[in-house]
Amino acid sequence: MSSSKKKSAPLPASSAGLLRFFEDETKGYKIKPEYVFAIATGFIGISILIKLLFPL
């Protein structure tokens, strides 16, 4: 007695829901990623300068 139904693997989840999530408008400030990177790099540079200029 063999069944004619085949067991198939589940289909991969589509990215449509993810795209829809990122397209939604949210409240708050909009900051470009370049600015975030520049600010973080600036803080790192300032901390290195402080460490070099004022050693313990």
PDB file of N, CA and C in Angstrom:
ATOM      1  N   MET A   1       0.820  -1.176   0.000  1.00  0.00           N
ATOM      2  CA  MET A   1       0.000   0.000   0.000  1.00  0.00           C
ATOM      3  C   MET A   1       0.872   1.251   0.000  1.00  0.00           C
ATOM      4  N   SER A   2       1.114   1.792  -1.152  1.00  0.00           N
ATOM      5  CA  SER A   2       1.934   3.004  -1.196  1.00  0.00           C
ATOM      6  C   SER A   2       1.039   4.213  -1.424  1.00  0.00           C
ATOM      7  N   SER A   3       1.391   5.250  -0.760  1.00  0.00           N
ATOM      8  CA  SER A   3       0.610   6.479  -0.846  1.00  0.00           C
ATOM      9  C   SER A   3       1.065   7.287  -2.053  1.00  0.00           C
ATOM     10  N   SER A   4       0.130   7.892  -2.735  1.00  0.00           N
ATOM     11  CA  SER A   4       0.486   8.693  -3.899  1.00  0.00           C
ATOM     12  C   SER A   4       0.915  10.103  -3.498  1.00  0.00           C
ATOM     13  N   LYS A   5       0.736  10.441  -2.224  1.00  0.00           N
ATOM     14  CA  LYS A   5       1.152  11.763  -1.755  1.00  0.00           C
ATOM     15  C   LYS A   5       2.650  11.757  -1.490  1.00  0.00           C
ATOM     16  N   LYS A   6       3.328  12.736  -2.004  1.00  0.00           N
ATOM     17  CA  LYS A   6       4.760  12.849  -1.773  1.00  0.00           C
ATOM     18  C   LYS A   6       4.994  13.831  -0.636  1.00  0.00           C
ATOM     19  N   LYS A   7       5.976  13.498   0.187  1.00  0.00           N
ATOM     20  CA  LYS A   7       6.357  14.429   1.235  1.00  0.00           C
ATOM     21  C   LYS A   7       7.332  15.423   0.618  1.00  0.00           C
ATOM     22  N   SER A   8       6.938  16.677   0.607  1.00  0.00           N
ATOM     23  CA  SER A   8       7.813  17.688   0.019  1.00  0.00           C
ATOM     24  C   SER A   8       8.367  18.576   1.119  1.00  0.00           C
ATOM     25  N   ALA A   9       9.531  19.094   0.857  1.00  0.00           N
ATOM     26  CA  ALA A   9      10.172  19.990   1.818  1.00  0.00           C
ATOM     27  C   ALA A   9       9.399  21.306   1.841  1.00  0.00           C
ATOM     28  N   PRO A  10       9.374  21.952   2.988  1.00  0.00           N
ATOM     29  CA  PRO A  10       8.672  23.237   3.045  1.00  0.00           C
ATOM     30  C   PRO A  10       9.379  24.275   2.188  1.00  0.00           C
ATOM     31  N   LEU A  11       8.609  25.154   1.590  1.00  0.00           N
ATOM     32  CA  LEU A  11       9.181  26.184   0.744  1.00  0.00           C
ATOM     33  C   LEU A  11       9.910  27.220   1.607  1.00  0.00           C
ATOM     34  N   PRO A  12      10.977  27.789   1.104  1.00  0.00           N
ATOM     35  CA  PRO A  12      11.673  28.817   1.889  1.00  0.00           C
ATOM     36  C   PRO A  12      10.791  30.052   2.043  1.00  0.00           C
ATOM     37  N   ALA A  13      10.968  30.738   3.146  1.00  0.00           N
ATOM     38  CA  ALA A  13      10.187  31.939   3.388  1.00  0.00           C
ATOM     39  C   ALA A  13      10.588  33.024   2.399  1.00  0.00           C
ATOM     40  N   SER A  14       9.605  33.729   1.915  1.00  0.00           N
ATOM     41  CA  SER A  14       9.922  34.799   0.962  1.00  0.00           C
ATOM     42  C   SER A  14      10.346  36.047   1.715  1.00  0.00           C
ATOM     43  N   SER A  15      11.028  36.922   1.016  1.00  0.00           N
ATOM     44  CA  SER A  15      11.501  38.144   1.652  1.00  0.00           C
ATOM     45  C   SER A  15      10.492  39.275   1.499  1.00  0.00           C
ATOM     46  N   ALA A  16       9.319  38.985   0.992  1.00  0.00           N
ATOM     47  CA  ALA A  16       8.327  40.039   0.775  1.00  0.00           C
ATOM     48  C   ALA A  16       7.916  40.690   2.087  1.00  0.00           C
ATOM     49  N   GLY A  17       7.756  39.911   3.123  1.00  0.00           N
ATOM     50  CA  GLY A  17       7.393  40.475   4.420  1.00  0.00           C
ATOM     51  C   GLY A  17       8.492  41.353   4.976  1.00  0.00           C
ATOM     52  N   LEU A  18       9.737  40.953   4.770  1.00  0.00           N
ATOM     53  CA  LEU A  18      10.878  41.731   5.248  1.00  0.00           C
ATOM     54  C   LEU A  18      10.962  43.060   4.508  1.00  0.00           C
ATOM     55  N   LEU A  19      10.746  43.036   3.204  1.00  0.00           N
ATOM     56  CA  LEU A  19      10.775  44.274   2.432  1.00  0.00           C
ATOM     57  C   LEU A  19       9.651  45.202   2.868  1.00  0.00           C
ATOM     58  N   ARG A  20       8.509  44.650   3.118  1.00  0.00           N
ATOM     59  CA  ARG A  20       7.376  45.455   3.551  1.00  0.00           C
ATOM     60  C   ARG A  20       7.672  46.084   4.913  1.00  0.00           C
ATOM     61  N   PHE A  21       8.360  45.366   5.779  1.00  0.00           N
ATOM     62  CA  PHE A  21       8.700  45.881   7.103  1.00  0.00           C
ATOM     63  C   PHE A  21       9.622  47.089   6.988  1.00  0.00           C
ATOM     64  N   PHE A  22      10.622  47.033   6.118  1.00  0.00           N
ATOM     65  CA  PHE A  22      11.579  48.125   6.000  1.00  0.00           C
ATOM     66  C   PHE A  22      11.021  49.312   5.220  1.00  0.00           C
ATOM     67  N   GLU A  23       9.947  49.119   4.471  1.00  0.00           N
ATOM     68  CA  GLU A  23       9.352  50.223   3.741  1.00  0.00           C
ATOM     69  C   GLU A  23       8.441  51.059   4.632  1.00  0.00           C
ATOM     70  N   ASP A  24       8.034  50.553   5.773  1.00  0.00           N
ATOM     71  CA  ASP A  24       7.151  51.292   6.661  1.00  0.00           C
ATOM     72  C   ASP A  24       7.855  52.517   7.207  1.00  0.00           C
ATOM     73  N   GLU A  25       7.119  53.612   7.271  1.00  0.00           N
ATOM     74  CA  GLU A  25       7.656  54.840   7.837  1.00  0.00           C
ATOM     75  C   GLU A  25       7.565  54.771   9.352  1.00  0.00           C
ATOM     76  N   THR A  26       8.620  55.192  10.008  1.00  0.00           N
ATOM     77  CA  THR A  26       8.634  55.207  11.467  1.00  0.00           C
ATOM     78  C   THR A  26       8.895  56.625  11.940  1.00  0.00           C
ATOM     79  N   LYS A  27       8.489  56.905  13.163  1.00  0.00           N
ATOM     80  CA  LYS A  27       8.719  58.217  13.739  1.00  0.00           C
ATOM     81  C   LYS A  27      10.169  58.302  14.210  1.00  0.00           C
ATOM     82  N   GLY A  28      10.677  59.507  14.256  1.00  0.00           N
ATOM     83  CA  GLY A  28      12.034  59.697  14.759  1.00  0.00           C
ATOM     84  C   GLY A  28      12.926  60.341  13.725  1.00  0.00           C
ATOM     85  N   TYR A  29      14.171  60.519  14.111  1.00  0.00           N
ATOM     86  CA  TYR A  29      15.150  61.165  13.254  1.00  0.00           C
ATOM     87  C   TYR A  29      15.627  60.213  12.177  1.00  0.00           C
ATOM     88  N   LYS A  30      15.882  60.766  11.012  1.00  0.00           N
ATOM     89  CA  LYS A  30      16.454  59.983   9.910  1.00  0.00           C
ATOM     90  C   LYS A  30      17.921  60.377   9.788  1.00  0.00           C
ATOM     91  N   ILE A  31      18.818  59.428   9.991  1.00  0.00           N
ATOM     92  CA  ILE A  31      20.256  59.680   9.908  1.00  0.00           C
ATOM     93  C   ILE A  31      20.843  58.741   8.863  1.00  0.00           C
ATOM     94  N   LYS A  32      21.642  59.308   7.977  1.00  0.00           N
ATOM     95  CA  LYS A  32      22.288  58.488   6.952  1.00  0.00           C
ATOM     96  C   LYS A  32      23.341  57.598   7.606  1.00  0.00           C
ATOM     97  N   PRO A  33      23.536  56.394   7.108  1.00  0.00           N
ATOM     98  CA  PRO A  33      24.559  55.495   7.675  1.00  0.00           C
ATOM     99  C   PRO A  33      25.961  56.082   7.608  1.00  0.00           C
ATOM    100  N   GLU A  34      26.228  56.899   6.596  1.00  0.00           N
ATOM    101  CA  GLU A  34      27.546  57.526   6.473  1.00  0.00           C
ATOM    102  C   GLU A  34      27.830  58.431   7.663  1.00  0.00           C
ATOM    103  N   TYR A  35      26.815  59.150   8.129  1.00  0.00           N
ATOM    104  CA  TYR A  35      26.978  60.040   9.281  1.00  0.00           C
ATOM    105  C   TYR A  35      27.249  59.248  10.551  1.00  0.00           C
ATOM    106  N   VAL A  36      26.544  58.132  10.711  1.00  0.00           N
ATOM    107  CA  VAL A  36      26.751  57.295  11.899  1.00  0.00           C
ATOM    108  C   VAL A  36      28.176  56.759  11.903  1.00  0.00           C
ATOM    109  N   PHE A  37      28.651  56.309  10.744  1.00  0.00           N
ATOM    110  CA  PHE A  37      30.012  55.795  10.629  1.00  0.00           C
ATOM    111  C   PHE A  37      31.030  56.888  10.920  1.00  0.00           C
ATOM    112  N   ALA A  38      30.798  58.094  10.392  1.00  0.00           N
ATOM    113  CA  ALA A  38      31.725  59.201  10.609  1.00  0.00           C
ATOM    114  C   ALA A  38      31.771  59.597  12.082  1.00  0.00           C
ATOM    115  N   ILE A  39      30.626  59.648  12.739  1.00  0.00           N
ATOM    116  CA  ILE A  39      30.588  60.005  14.156  1.00  0.00           C
ATOM    117  C   ILE A  39      31.320  58.959  14.994  1.00  0.00           C
ATOM    118  N   ALA A  40      31.074  57.673  14.709  1.00  0.00           N
ATOM    119  CA  ALA A  40      31.750  56.612  15.455  1.00  0.00           C
ATOM    120  C   ALA A  40      33.259  56.669  15.239  1.00  0.00           C
ATOM    121  N   THR A  41      33.678  56.890  13.986  1.00  0.00           N
ATOM    122  CA  THR A  41      35.103  56.997  13.687  1.00  0.00           C
ATOM    123  C   THR A  41      35.710  58.204  14.395  1.00  0.00           C
ATOM    124  N   GLY A  42      34.966  59.299  14.443  1.00  0.00           N
ATOM    125  CA  GLY A  42      35.438  60.491  15.139  1.00  0.00           C
ATOM    126  C   GLY A  42      35.636  60.244  16.622  1.00  0.00           C
ATOM    127  N   PHE A  43      34.685  59.560  17.256  1.00  0.00           N
ATOM    128  CA  PHE A  43      34.827  59.237  18.676  1.00  0.00           C
ATOM    129  C   PHE A  43      36.029  58.339  18.932  1.00  0.00           C
ATOM    130  N   ILE A  44      36.254  57.384  18.057  1.00  0.00           N
ATOM    131  CA  ILE A  44      37.411  56.496  18.198  1.00  0.00           C
ATOM    132  C   ILE A  44      38.702  57.301  18.064  1.00  0.00           C
ATOM    133  N   GLY A  45      38.739  58.201  17.065  1.00  0.00           N
ATOM    134  CA  GLY A  45      39.925  59.032  16.868  1.00  0.00           C
ATOM    135  C   GLY A  45      40.192  59.943  18.056  1.00  0.00           C
ATOM    136  N   ILE A  46      39.133  60.542  18.599  1.00  0.00           N
ATOM    137  CA  ILE A  46      39.289  61.416  19.765  1.00  0.00           C
ATOM    138  C   ILE A  46      39.797  60.623  20.964  1.00  0.00           C
ATOM    139  N   SER A  47      39.266  59.438  21.169  1.00  0.00           N
ATOM    140  CA  SER A  47      39.725  58.639  22.313  1.00  0.00           C
ATOM    141  C   SER A  47      41.190  58.223  22.164  1.00  0.00           C
ATOM    142  N   ILE A  48      41.627  57.933  20.931  1.00  0.00           N
ATOM    143  CA  ILE A  48      43.034  57.588  20.704  1.00  0.00           C
ATOM    144  C   ILE A  48      43.918  58.803  20.960  1.00  0.00           C
ATOM    145  N   LEU A  49      43.482  59.986  20.498  1.00  0.00           N
ATOM    146  CA  LEU A  49      44.257  61.205  20.744  1.00  0.00           C
ATOM    147  C   LEU A  49      44.371  61.505  22.233  1.00  0.00           C
ATOM    148  N   ILE A  50      43.299  61.368  22.957  1.00  0.00           N
ATOM    149  CA  ILE A  50      43.335  61.608  24.403  1.00  0.00           C
ATOM    150  C   ILE A  50      44.302  60.637  25.070  1.00  0.00           C
ATOM    151  N   LYS A  51      44.254  59.382  24.634  1.00  0.00           N
ATOM    152  CA  LYS A  51      45.140  58.365  25.202  1.00  0.00           C
ATOM    153  C   LYS A  51      46.613  58.695  24.915  1.00  0.00           C
ATOM    154  N   LEU A  52      46.897  59.203  23.703  1.00  0.00           N
ATOM    155  CA  LEU A  52      48.286  59.544  23.353  1.00  0.00           C
ATOM    156  C   LEU A  52      48.764  60.825  24.030  1.00  0.00           C
ATOM    157  N   LEU A  53      47.894  61.802  24.149  1.00  0.00           N
ATOM    158  CA  LEU A  53      48.294  63.097  24.705  1.00  0.00           C
ATOM    159  C   LEU A  53      48.348  63.098  26.240  1.00  0.00           C
ATOM    160  N   PHE A  54      47.539  62.285  26.866  1.00  0.00           N
ATOM    161  CA  PHE A  54      47.470  62.261  28.322  1.00  0.00           C
ATOM    162  C   PHE A  54      47.679  60.827  28.853  1.00  0.00           C
ATOM    163  N   PRO A  55      48.877  60.285  28.708  1.00  0.00           N
ATOM    164  CA  PRO A  55      49.112  58.910  29.198  1.00  0.00           C
ATOM    165  C   PRO A  55      49.097  58.869  30.733  1.00  0.00           C
ATOM    166  N   LEU A  56      48.699  57.754  31.261  1.00  0.00           N
ATOM    167  CA  LEU A  56      48.648  57.603  32.721  1.00  0.00           C
ATOM    168  C   LEU A  56      49.942  57.078  33.261  1.00  0.00           C
TER     169      LEU A  56
END
